[in-house]
Amino acid sequence: MLTPEYLHALQNLPLAARRAAEGMLHGAHASRRKGAGMEFNQYRPYQPGDDLRRLDWRLAARSDRYYLRESEVDTSLVVHLVLDATASMNHRDDNGLSKLEYARLLCAALAYVATQQGDAVALTVLHPRGLQHLPPRSDARQQQRIYHTLEHIEAAGRFPDITTLAPLTARRQPALTVCVSDLYEENGEIEQLLTRLRAATGEVLLLHLMARNELDFTYRGAVTFEDLETGQQLQLDAGQQRRVWQQQLQAWLLETARRARTRGFEYYRLNTAEPLTDALREFLRRRARG
């Protein structure tokens, strides 16, 4: 199992994406439907109302029977990757990786998998300076565009305002939206955005990033915590506050998952100390259902 710190140490995002995804792609194939495409699949008897242009006249001439040629056509999706690049994503876990570094690997691997499945992939990076957006494309160069954008992202500031986010939901286009975020927000901005995206595009898969040192509260002694977006600081004794922290965190996580599912999002929590495998498997499961 490839750890996220190993993938990050490669210092090669295309290679890391491929290495992370190659195990997941084994046995996974593009979903297919019967249709009038180019690749021949099988014959079936003619039925009244069928398109006569698909009738195999040569076979009819030889056998005096009427059959239609069926083919398989790949069904593809638009996969829209939405990456939270606000300052809280700079939080660093005990393995040395920040949430943004983990998210960068994850988005690259998701783009690789989606491209291998024949999907058109879009990428939107959310930060206060404005939206950084790559429109959906399925050509061979789109992966490189996405890798290049991901490699140059820096997390900073707070979540964009409504005006900045408006172009994302201005046009309705069916898509599987995959949002990667730690969900640290002040007034429900992420939830509001995803609600509008779900209305505009359809299915939303929310991948919630949490660091292991947050989940397990691995800190020791006197600790000063700083809100990376507001600069607010809090001093506490880790040993005395561990139980209270974990109780409050679990309550928040349960409520976050409940609210996400109430809004109609597919919610999945990720630990940034663990491999990308589960997230990729979840993506393939949602894609196959789509």
C-alpha atoms as a PDB file:
ATOM      1  CA  MET A   1       0.000   0.000   0.000  1.00  0.00           C
ATOM      2  CA  LEU A   2       1.503   3.322  -1.080  1.00  0.00           C
ATOM      3  CA  THR A   3       1.501   5.885   1.713  1.00  0.00           C
ATOM      4  CA  PRO A   4       0.749   9.552   0.943  1.00  0.00           C
ATOM      5  CA  GLU A   5       4.186  10.590   2.236  1.00  0.00           C
ATOM      6  CA  TYR A   6       5.834   8.163  -0.198  1.00  0.00           C
ATOM      7  CA  LEU A   7       3.828   9.575  -3.103  1.00  0.00           C
ATOM      8  CA  HIS A   8       4.667  13.123  -2.044  1.00  0.00           C
ATOM      9  CA  ALA A   9       8.360  12.256  -1.791  1.00  0.00           C
ATOM     10  CA  LEU A  10       8.370  11.286  -5.486  1.00  0.00           C
ATOM     11  CA  GLN A  11       8.222  15.028  -6.293  1.00  0.00           C
ATOM     12  CA  ASN A  12       6.539  14.042  -9.554  1.00  0.00           C
ATOM     13  CA  LEU A  13       2.793  14.581  -9.571  1.00  0.00           C
ATOM     14  CA  PRO A  14       2.009  12.669 -12.819  1.00  0.00           C
ATOM     15  CA  LEU A  15       3.980   9.655 -11.597  1.00  0.00           C
ATOM     16  CA  ALA A  16       2.414   9.842  -8.125  1.00  0.00           C
ATOM     17  CA  ALA A  17      -1.078  10.011  -9.634  1.00  0.00           C
ATOM     18  CA  ARG A  18      -0.437   6.994 -11.818  1.00  0.00           C
ATOM     19  CA  ARG A  19       1.118   4.974  -8.999  1.00  0.00           C
ATOM     20  CA  ALA A  20      -1.769   5.777  -6.676  1.00  0.00           C
ATOM     21  CA  ALA A  21      -4.393   4.889  -9.266  1.00  0.00           C
ATOM     22  CA  GLU A  22      -2.924   1.879 -11.031  1.00  0.00           C
ATOM     23  CA  GLY A  23      -4.059  -0.595  -8.405  1.00  0.00           C
ATOM     24  CA  MET A  24      -7.584   0.804  -8.467  1.00  0.00           C
ATOM     25  CA  LEU A  25      -7.860   0.581 -12.237  1.00  0.00           C
ATOM     26  CA  HIS A  26      -7.249  -3.154 -12.273  1.00  0.00           C
ATOM     27  CA  GLY A  27     -10.545  -4.698 -13.272  1.00  0.00           C
ATOM     28  CA  ALA A  28     -12.299  -1.352 -13.643  1.00  0.00           C
ATOM     29  CA  HIS A  29     -13.735  -0.638 -17.064  1.00  0.00           C
ATOM     30  CA  ALA A  30     -15.734   2.166 -18.549  1.00  0.00           C
ATOM     31  CA  SER A  31     -19.459   1.614 -18.131  1.00  0.00           C
ATOM     32  CA  ARG A  32     -21.014   0.590 -21.395  1.00  0.00           C
ATOM     33  CA  ARG A  33     -24.460   0.676 -22.938  1.00  0.00           C
ATOM     34  CA  LYS A  34     -25.876  -0.934 -26.048  1.00  0.00           C
ATOM     35  CA  GLY A  35     -26.215   1.496 -28.900  1.00  0.00           C
ATOM     36  CA  ALA A  36     -25.358   2.411 -32.469  1.00  0.00           C
ATOM     37  CA  GLY A  37     -21.693   3.122 -31.956  1.00  0.00           C
ATOM     38  CA  MET A  38     -18.680   2.070 -33.985  1.00  0.00           C
ATOM     39  CA  GLU A  39     -17.525  -1.043 -32.122  1.00  0.00           C
ATOM     40  CA  PHE A  40     -19.513  -4.159 -33.110  1.00  0.00           C
ATOM     41  CA  ASN A  41     -20.835  -6.239 -30.238  1.00  0.00           C
ATOM     42  CA  GLN A  42     -23.581  -8.660 -31.308  1.00  0.00           C
ATOM     43  CA  TYR A  43     -26.665  -9.240 -33.435  1.00  0.00           C
ATOM     44  CA  ARG A  44     -30.252  -9.252 -32.293  1.00  0.00           C
ATOM     45  CA  PRO A  45     -33.489  -9.974 -34.179  1.00  0.00           C
ATOM     46  CA  TYR A  46     -35.267  -7.082 -35.838  1.00  0.00           C
ATOM     47  CA  GLN A  47     -38.365  -5.773 -34.029  1.00  0.00           C
ATOM     48  CA  PRO A  48     -40.995  -3.418 -35.456  1.00  0.00           C
ATOM     49  CA  GLY A  49     -39.968   0.179 -34.881  1.00  0.00           C
ATOM     50  CA  ASP A  50     -36.200  -0.497 -34.955  1.00  0.00           C
ATOM     51  CA  ASP A  51     -33.954   1.822 -36.966  1.00  0.00           C
ATOM     52  CA  LEU A  52     -33.597   0.168 -40.399  1.00  0.00           C
ATOM     53  CA  ARG A  53     -30.228   1.852 -40.911  1.00  0.00           C
ATOM     54  CA  ARG A  54     -28.776  -0.638 -38.421  1.00  0.00           C
ATOM     55  CA  LEU A  55     -30.179  -3.647 -40.280  1.00  0.00           C
ATOM     56  CA  ASP A  56     -27.510  -6.037 -41.615  1.00  0.00           C
ATOM     57  CA  TRP A  57     -28.661  -6.382 -45.205  1.00  0.00           C
ATOM     58  CA  ARG A  58     -25.883  -8.803 -46.162  1.00  0.00           C
ATOM     59  CA  LEU A  59     -26.891 -11.242 -43.453  1.00  0.00           C
ATOM     60  CA  ALA A  60     -30.532 -10.836 -44.476  1.00  0.00           C
ATOM     61  CA  ALA A  61     -29.644 -11.641 -48.106  1.00  0.00           C
ATOM     62  CA  ARG A  62     -27.765 -14.801 -47.057  1.00  0.00           C
ATOM     63  CA  SER A  63     -30.161 -16.151 -44.457  1.00  0.00           C
ATOM     64  CA  ASP A  64     -33.494 -14.501 -45.226  1.00  0.00           C
ATOM     65  CA  ARG A  65     -33.521 -13.357 -41.612  1.00  0.00           C
ATOM     66  CA  TYR A  66     -33.439  -9.809 -40.318  1.00  0.00           C
ATOM     67  CA  TYR A  67     -30.924  -8.861 -37.671  1.00  0.00           C
ATOM     68  CA  LEU A  68     -29.645  -5.582 -36.304  1.00  0.00           C
ATOM     69  CA  ARG A  69     -26.025  -4.972 -35.478  1.00  0.00           C
ATOM     70  CA  GLU A  70     -25.640  -3.800 -31.883  1.00  0.00           C
ATOM     71  CA  SER A  71     -22.539  -2.099 -30.621  1.00  0.00           C
ATOM     72  CA  GLU A  72     -21.172  -0.918 -27.334  1.00  0.00           C
ATOM     73  CA  VAL A  73     -20.782   2.778 -26.662  1.00  0.00           C
ATOM     74  CA  ASP A  74     -18.776   4.062 -23.732  1.00  0.00           C
ATOM     75  CA  THR A  75     -20.803   6.203 -21.357  1.00  0.00           C
ATOM     76  CA  SER A  76     -18.716   9.087 -20.111  1.00  0.00           C
ATOM     77  CA  LEU A  77     -19.210  11.716 -17.452  1.00  0.00           C
ATOM     78  CA  VAL A  78     -18.110  15.223 -16.738  1.00  0.00           C
ATOM     79  CA  VAL A  79     -16.092  15.018 -13.505  1.00  0.00           C
ATOM     80  CA  HIS A  80     -15.694  18.396 -11.806  1.00  0.00           C
ATOM     81  CA  LEU A  81     -12.956  18.477  -9.163  1.00  0.00           C
ATOM     82  CA  VAL A  82     -13.437  21.323  -6.671  1.00  0.00           C
ATOM     83  CA  LEU A  83     -10.465  21.933  -4.375  1.00  0.00           C
ATOM     84  CA  ASP A  84     -10.569  24.044  -1.223  1.00  0.00           C
ATOM     85  CA  ALA A  85      -7.292  26.034  -1.098  1.00  0.00           C
ATOM     86  CA  THR A  86      -8.036  28.260   1.885  1.00  0.00           C
ATOM     87  CA  ALA A  87      -5.458  28.749   4.630  1.00  0.00           C
ATOM     88  CA  SER A  88      -6.774  25.984   6.911  1.00  0.00           C
ATOM     89  CA  MET A  89      -5.561  23.485   4.300  1.00  0.00           C
ATOM     90  CA  ASN A  90      -2.008  24.344   5.394  1.00  0.00           C
ATOM     91  CA  HIS A  91      -2.542  22.295   8.560  1.00  0.00           C
ATOM     92  CA  ARG A  92       0.282  19.747   8.761  1.00  0.00           C
ATOM     93  CA  ASP A  93      -0.094  16.199  10.075  1.00  0.00           C
ATOM     94  CA  ASP A  94       2.479  14.193  12.048  1.00  0.00           C
ATOM     95  CA  ASN A  95       3.612  12.519   8.800  1.00  0.00           C
ATOM     96  CA  GLY A  96       4.845  15.893   7.548  1.00  0.00           C
ATOM     97  CA  LEU A  97       2.133  16.382   4.917  1.00  0.00           C
ATOM     98  CA  SER A  98      -0.248  19.307   4.879  1.00  0.00           C
ATOM     99  CA  LYS A  99      -3.869  18.829   3.937  1.00  0.00           C
ATOM    100  CA  LEU A 100      -3.198  20.724   0.724  1.00  0.00           C
ATOM    101  CA  GLU A 101      -0.342  18.383  -0.220  1.00  0.00           C
ATOM    102  CA  TYR A 102      -2.591  15.382   0.388  1.00  0.00           C
ATOM    103  CA  ALA A 103      -5.424  17.033  -1.559  1.00  0.00           C
ATOM    104  CA  ARG A 104      -3.049  17.755  -4.448  1.00  0.00           C
ATOM    105  CA  LEU A 105      -2.140  14.061  -4.698  1.00  0.00           C
ATOM    106  CA  LEU A 106      -5.774  13.044  -4.377  1.00  0.00           C
ATOM    107  CA  CYS A 107      -7.038  15.396  -7.101  1.00  0.00           C
ATOM    108  CA  ALA A 108      -4.229  14.325  -9.442  1.00  0.00           C
ATOM    109  CA  ALA A 109      -5.095  10.653  -8.918  1.00  0.00           C
ATOM    110  CA  LEU A 110      -8.810  11.318  -9.401  1.00  0.00           C
ATOM    111  CA  ALA A 111      -8.074  13.176 -12.645  1.00  0.00           C
ATOM    112  CA  TYR A 112      -5.945  10.261 -13.819  1.00  0.00           C
ATOM    113  CA  VAL A 113      -8.672   7.705 -13.035  1.00  0.00           C
ATOM    114  CA  ALA A 114     -11.408   9.806 -14.636  1.00  0.00           C
ATOM    115  CA  THR A 115      -9.341  10.317 -17.784  1.00  0.00           C
ATOM    116  CA  GLN A 116      -8.658   6.572 -18.025  1.00  0.00           C
ATOM    117  CA  GLN A 117     -12.407   6.019 -17.814  1.00  0.00           C
ATOM    118  CA  GLY A 118     -12.950   8.381 -20.749  1.00  0.00           C
ATOM    119  CA  ASP A 119     -14.460  11.228 -18.735  1.00  0.00           C
ATOM    120  CA  ALA A 120     -14.107  14.954 -19.336  1.00  0.00           C
ATOM    121  CA  VAL A 121     -12.416  16.469 -16.277  1.00  0.00           C
ATOM    122  CA  ALA A 122     -12.710  20.001 -14.925  1.00  0.00           C
ATOM    123  CA  LEU A 123     -10.824  21.550 -12.008  1.00  0.00           C
ATOM    124  CA  THR A 124     -11.791  24.534  -9.866  1.00  0.00           C
ATOM    125  CA  VAL A 125      -9.521  25.850  -7.112  1.00  0.00           C
ATOM    126  CA  LEU A 126     -11.235  27.934  -4.438  1.00  0.00           C
ATOM    127  CA  HIS A 127      -9.246  30.723  -2.816  1.00  0.00           C
ATOM    128  CA  PRO A 128     -10.008  34.349  -1.885  1.00  0.00           C
ATOM    129  CA  ARG A 129      -8.169  35.830  -4.880  1.00  0.00           C
ATOM    130  CA  GLY A 130     -10.813  34.332  -7.144  1.00  0.00           C
ATOM    131  CA  LEU A 131     -11.677  31.110  -8.914  1.00  0.00           C
ATOM    132  CA  GLN A 132      -8.979  29.233 -10.779  1.00  0.00           C
ATOM    133  CA  HIS A 133     -10.937  27.152 -13.265  1.00  0.00           C
ATOM    134  CA  LEU A 134     -10.108  24.670 -16.003  1.00  0.00           C
ATOM    135  CA  PRO A 135     -13.234  23.880 -18.074  1.00  0.00           C
ATOM    136  CA  PRO A 136     -14.060  20.202 -18.679  1.00  0.00           C
ATOM    137  CA  ARG A 137     -12.116  18.510 -21.471  1.00  0.00           C
ATOM    138  CA  SER A 138     -11.325  14.935 -22.355  1.00  0.00           C
ATOM    139  CA  ASP A 139      -8.366  15.529 -24.674  1.00  0.00           C
ATOM    140  CA  ALA A 140      -4.928  14.102 -23.974  1.00  0.00           C
ATOM    141  CA  ARG A 141      -3.488  17.391 -22.726  1.00  0.00           C
ATOM    142  CA  GLN A 142      -6.099  18.006 -20.029  1.00  0.00           C
ATOM    143  CA  GLN A 143      -4.286  15.833 -17.507  1.00  0.00           C
ATOM    144  CA  GLN A 144      -1.130  17.905 -17.923  1.00  0.00           C
ATOM    145  CA  ARG A 145      -3.105  21.126 -17.505  1.00  0.00           C
ATOM    146  CA  ILE A 146      -4.562  19.805 -14.273  1.00  0.00           C
ATOM    147  CA  TYR A 147      -1.199  18.605 -12.958  1.00  0.00           C
ATOM    148  CA  HIS A 148       0.394  21.962 -13.751  1.00  0.00           C
ATOM    149  CA  THR A 149      -2.382  23.847 -11.950  1.00  0.00           C
ATOM    150  CA  LEU A 150      -2.220  21.572  -8.898  1.00  0.00           C
ATOM    151  CA  GLU A 151       1.558  21.853  -8.649  1.00  0.00           C
ATOM    152  CA  HIS A 152       1.378  25.646  -8.335  1.00  0.00           C
ATOM    153  CA  ILE A 153      -1.452  25.949  -5.802  1.00  0.00           C
ATOM    154  CA  GLU A 154      -0.781  27.651  -2.485  1.00  0.00           C
ATOM    155  CA  ALA A 155      -3.358  27.673   0.309  1.00  0.00           C
ATOM    156  CA  ALA A 156      -4.180  31.114   1.693  1.00  0.00           C
ATOM    157  CA  GLY A 157      -6.950  33.272   3.110  1.00  0.00           C
ATOM    158  CA  ARG A 158     -10.588  32.488   3.699  1.00  0.00           C
ATOM    159  CA  PHE A 159     -13.330  30.965   1.594  1.00  0.00           C
ATOM    160  CA  PRO A 160     -14.376  33.056  -1.439  1.00  0.00           C
ATOM    161  CA  ASP A 161     -17.492  35.209  -1.216  1.00  0.00           C
ATOM    162  CA  ILE A 162     -20.768  34.525  -3.015  1.00  0.00           C
ATOM    163  CA  THR A 163     -20.003  36.934  -5.856  1.00  0.00           C
ATOM    164  CA  THR A 164     -16.717  35.180  -6.594  1.00  0.00           C
ATOM    165  CA  LEU A 165     -18.406  31.774  -6.584  1.00  0.00           C
ATOM    166  CA  ALA A 166     -21.348  32.790  -8.792  1.00  0.00           C
ATOM    167  CA  PRO A 167     -19.819  31.672 -12.142  1.00  0.00           C
ATOM    168  CA  LEU A 168     -19.594  28.079 -10.880  1.00  0.00           C
ATOM    169  CA  THR A 169     -23.364  27.677 -10.739  1.00  0.00           C
ATOM    170  CA  ALA A 170     -24.399  30.058 -13.510  1.00  0.00           C
ATOM    171  CA  ARG A 171     -24.680  27.293 -16.117  1.00  0.00           C
ATOM    172  CA  ARG A 172     -26.457  23.992 -15.628  1.00  0.00           C
ATOM    173  CA  GLN A 173     -24.444  21.030 -16.857  1.00  0.00           C
ATOM    174  CA  PRO A 174     -24.785  17.428 -15.659  1.00  0.00           C
ATOM    175  CA  ALA A 175     -21.623  16.388 -13.817  1.00  0.00           C
ATOM    176  CA  LEU A 176     -20.246  14.439 -10.904  1.00  0.00           C
ATOM    177  CA  THR A 177     -18.844  17.140  -8.625  1.00  0.00           C
ATOM    178  CA  VAL A 178     -16.070  15.951  -6.294  1.00  0.00           C
ATOM    179  CA  CYS A 179     -15.236  18.483  -3.586  1.00  0.00           C
ATOM    180  CA  VAL A 180     -12.054  18.050  -1.522  1.00  0.00           C
ATOM    181  CA  SER A 181     -12.095  20.192   1.618  1.00  0.00           C
ATOM    182  CA  ASP A 182     -11.451  20.178   5.351  1.00  0.00           C
ATOM    183  CA  LEU A 183     -14.840  21.934   5.788  1.00  0.00           C
ATOM    184  CA  TYR A 184     -13.502  24.614   8.107  1.00  0.00           C
ATOM    185  CA  GLU A 185     -15.812  27.532   7.449  1.00  0.00           C
ATOM    186  CA  GLU A 186     -17.421  30.403   9.304  1.00  0.00           C
ATOM    187  CA  ASN A 187     -20.980  30.668   8.027  1.00  0.00           C
ATOM    188  CA  GLY A 188     -21.701  27.527   6.028  1.00  0.00           C
ATOM    189  CA  GLU A 189     -20.141  28.858   2.819  1.00  0.00           C
ATOM    190  CA  ILE A 190     -19.021  25.439   1.573  1.00  0.00           C
ATOM    191  CA  GLU A 191     -22.387  23.855   2.284  1.00  0.00           C
ATOM    192  CA  GLN A 192     -24.151  26.660   0.421  1.00  0.00           C
ATOM    193  CA  LEU A 193     -21.848  26.314  -2.593  1.00  0.00           C
ATOM    194  CA  LEU A 194     -22.285  22.533  -2.781  1.00  0.00           C
ATOM    195  CA  THR A 195     -26.058  22.881  -2.452  1.00  0.00           C
ATOM    196  CA  ARG A 196     -26.089  25.185  -5.476  1.00  0.00           C
ATOM    197  CA  LEU A 197     -23.714  22.893  -7.384  1.00  0.00           C
ATOM    198  CA  ARG A 198     -25.936  19.912  -6.713  1.00  0.00           C
ATOM    199  CA  ALA A 199     -28.920  21.830  -8.074  1.00  0.00           C
ATOM    200  CA  ALA A 200     -26.935  22.895 -11.149  1.00  0.00           C
ATOM    201  CA  THR A 201     -24.990  19.736 -11.963  1.00  0.00           C
ATOM    202  CA  GLY A 202     -26.439  16.724 -10.149  1.00  0.00           C
ATOM    203  CA  GLU A 203     -24.429  14.406  -7.888  1.00  0.00           C
ATOM    204  CA  VAL A 204     -21.939  15.783  -5.344  1.00  0.00           C
ATOM    205  CA  LEU A 205     -19.283  13.633  -3.664  1.00  0.00           C
ATOM    206  CA  LEU A 206     -17.814  15.427  -0.656  1.00  0.00           C
ATOM    207  CA  LEU A 207     -14.375  14.177   0.440  1.00  0.00           C
ATOM    208  CA  HIS A 208     -13.758  15.557   3.917  1.00  0.00           C
ATOM    209  CA  LEU A 209     -10.065  15.772   4.831  1.00  0.00           C
ATOM    210  CA  MET A 210      -8.987  15.405   8.454  1.00  0.00           C
ATOM    211  CA  ALA A 211      -5.441  15.000   9.745  1.00  0.00           C
ATOM    212  CA  ARG A 212      -4.621  12.146  12.089  1.00  0.00           C
ATOM    213  CA  ASN A 213      -3.248  14.549  14.723  1.00  0.00           C
ATOM    214  CA  GLU A 214      -6.682  16.206  14.734  1.00  0.00           C
ATOM    215  CA  LEU A 215      -8.636  12.967  14.905  1.00  0.00           C
ATOM    216  CA  ASP A 216      -6.438  11.305  17.544  1.00  0.00           C
ATOM    217  CA  PHE A 217      -5.293  14.519  19.258  1.00  0.00           C
ATOM    218  CA  THR A 218      -1.670  13.410  19.350  1.00  0.00           C
ATOM    219  CA  TYR A 219      -0.404  16.618  20.980  1.00  0.00           C
ATOM    220  CA  ARG A 220       1.449  16.611  24.299  1.00  0.00           C
ATOM    221  CA  GLY A 221       1.909  19.184  27.055  1.00  0.00           C
ATOM    222  CA  ALA A 222       1.157  22.890  26.705  1.00  0.00           C
ATOM    223  CA  VAL A 223       0.055  23.662  23.142  1.00  0.00           C
ATOM    224  CA  THR A 224      -0.807  26.887  21.348  1.00  0.00           C
ATOM    225  CA  PHE A 225      -3.298  26.454  18.530  1.00  0.00           C
ATOM    226  CA  GLU A 226      -3.747  29.086  15.852  1.00  0.00           C
ATOM    227  CA  ASP A 227      -6.650  29.459  13.450  1.00  0.00           C
ATOM    228  CA  LEU A 228      -4.831  29.599  10.107  1.00  0.00           C
ATOM    229  CA  GLU A 229      -7.531  31.777   8.560  1.00  0.00           C
ATOM    230  CA  THR A 230      -8.280  34.267  11.346  1.00  0.00           C
ATOM    231  CA  GLY A 231      -5.023  34.206  13.322  1.00  0.00           C
ATOM    232  CA  GLN A 232      -6.924  33.624  16.569  1.00  0.00           C
ATOM    233  CA  GLN A 233      -4.880  31.669  19.131  1.00  0.00           C
ATOM    234  CA  LEU A 234      -5.839  29.261  21.896  1.00  0.00           C
ATOM    235  CA  GLN A 235      -3.553  27.895  24.601  1.00  0.00           C
ATOM    236  CA  LEU A 236      -4.371  24.690  26.446  1.00  0.00           C
ATOM    237  CA  ASP A 237      -2.880  21.676  28.186  1.00  0.00           C
ATOM    238  CA  ALA A 238      -3.190  18.758  25.775  1.00  0.00           C
ATOM    239  CA  GLY A 239      -3.408  16.094  28.472  1.00  0.00           C
ATOM    240  CA  GLN A 240      -6.216  17.830  30.353  1.00  0.00           C
ATOM    241  CA  GLN A 241      -8.214  18.749  27.262  1.00  0.00           C
ATOM    242  CA  ARG A 242      -7.824  15.572  25.184  1.00  0.00           C
ATOM    243  CA  ARG A 243     -11.112  13.955  26.194  1.00  0.00           C
ATOM    244  CA  VAL A 244     -13.107  17.178  25.814  1.00  0.00           C
ATOM    245  CA  TRP A 245     -11.490  17.844  22.410  1.00  0.00           C
ATOM    246  CA  GLN A 246     -12.301  14.370  21.106  1.00  0.00           C
ATOM    247  CA  GLN A 247     -15.874  14.488  22.385  1.00  0.00           C
ATOM    248  CA  GLN A 248     -16.494  17.842  20.722  1.00  0.00           C
ATOM    249  CA  LEU A 249     -14.750  16.725  17.529  1.00  0.00           C
ATOM    250  CA  GLN A 250     -16.838  13.557  17.260  1.00  0.00           C
ATOM    251  CA  ALA A 251     -20.016  15.559  17.801  1.00  0.00           C
ATOM    252  CA  TRP A 252     -18.968  17.976  15.044  1.00  0.00           C
ATOM    253  CA  LEU A 253     -18.049  15.159  12.646  1.00  0.00           C
ATOM    254  CA  LEU A 254     -21.383  13.406  13.193  1.00  0.00           C
ATOM    255  CA  GLU A 255     -23.281  16.643  12.649  1.00  0.00           C
ATOM    256  CA  THR A 256     -21.210  17.476   9.558  1.00  0.00           C
ATOM    257  CA  ALA A 257     -21.938  14.078   8.006  1.00  0.00           C
ATOM    258  CA  ARG A 258     -25.623  14.336   8.893  1.00  0.00           C
ATOM    259  CA  ARG A 259     -25.975  17.806   7.358  1.00  0.00           C
ATOM    260  CA  ALA A 260     -24.139  16.743   4.207  1.00  0.00           C
ATOM    261  CA  ARG A 261     -26.404  13.749   3.662  1.00  0.00           C
ATOM    262  CA  THR A 262     -29.494  15.808   4.479  1.00  0.00           C
ATOM    263  CA  ARG A 263     -28.462  18.163   1.687  1.00  0.00           C
ATOM    264  CA  GLY A 264     -28.155  15.214  -0.684  1.00  0.00           C
ATOM    265  CA  PHE A 265     -24.357  15.021  -0.832  1.00  0.00           C
ATOM    266  CA  GLU A 266     -22.436  11.768  -0.817  1.00  0.00           C
ATOM    267  CA  TYR A 267     -20.139  12.228   2.183  1.00  0.00           C
ATOM    268  CA  TYR A 268     -16.858  10.426   2.833  1.00  0.00           C
ATOM    269  CA  ARG A 269     -14.271  11.298   5.481  1.00  0.00           C
ATOM    270  CA  LEU A 270     -10.552  10.824   4.789  1.00  0.00           C
ATOM    271  CA  ASN A 271      -7.560  10.609   7.099  1.00  0.00           C
ATOM    272  CA  THR A 272      -4.543  12.348   5.536  1.00  0.00           C
ATOM    273  CA  ALA A 273      -2.203   9.787   7.107  1.00  0.00           C
ATOM    274  CA  GLU A 274      -3.819   6.954   5.159  1.00  0.00           C
ATOM    275  CA  PRO A 275      -3.389   5.874   1.498  1.00  0.00           C
ATOM    276  CA  LEU A 276      -5.570   7.314  -1.245  1.00  0.00           C
ATOM    277  CA  THR A 277      -7.065   3.908  -2.005  1.00  0.00           C
ATOM    278  CA  ASP A 278     -10.373   4.336  -0.190  1.00  0.00           C
ATOM    279  CA  ALA A 279     -11.061   7.710  -1.784  1.00  0.00           C
ATOM    280  CA  LEU A 280     -10.359   6.354  -5.277  1.00  0.00           C
ATOM    281  CA  ARG A 281     -12.541   3.321  -4.643  1.00  0.00           C
ATOM    282  CA  GLU A 282     -15.353   5.567  -3.435  1.00  0.00           C
ATOM    283  CA  PHE A 283     -15.005   7.714  -6.554  1.00  0.00           C
ATOM    284  CA  LEU A 284     -15.197   4.674  -8.855  1.00  0.00           C
ATOM    285  CA  ARG A 285     -18.246   3.406  -7.000  1.00  0.00           C
ATOM    286  CA  ARG A 286     -20.035   6.751  -7.363  1.00  0.00           C
ATOM    287  CA  ARG A 287     -18.982   7.012 -11.005  1.00  0.00           C
ATOM    288  CA  ALA A 288     -20.277   3.560 -11.835  1.00  0.00           C
ATOM    289  CA  ARG A 289     -23.610   4.442 -10.257  1.00  0.00           C
ATOM    290  CA  GLY A 290     -23.707   7.675 -12.236  1.00  0.00           C
END
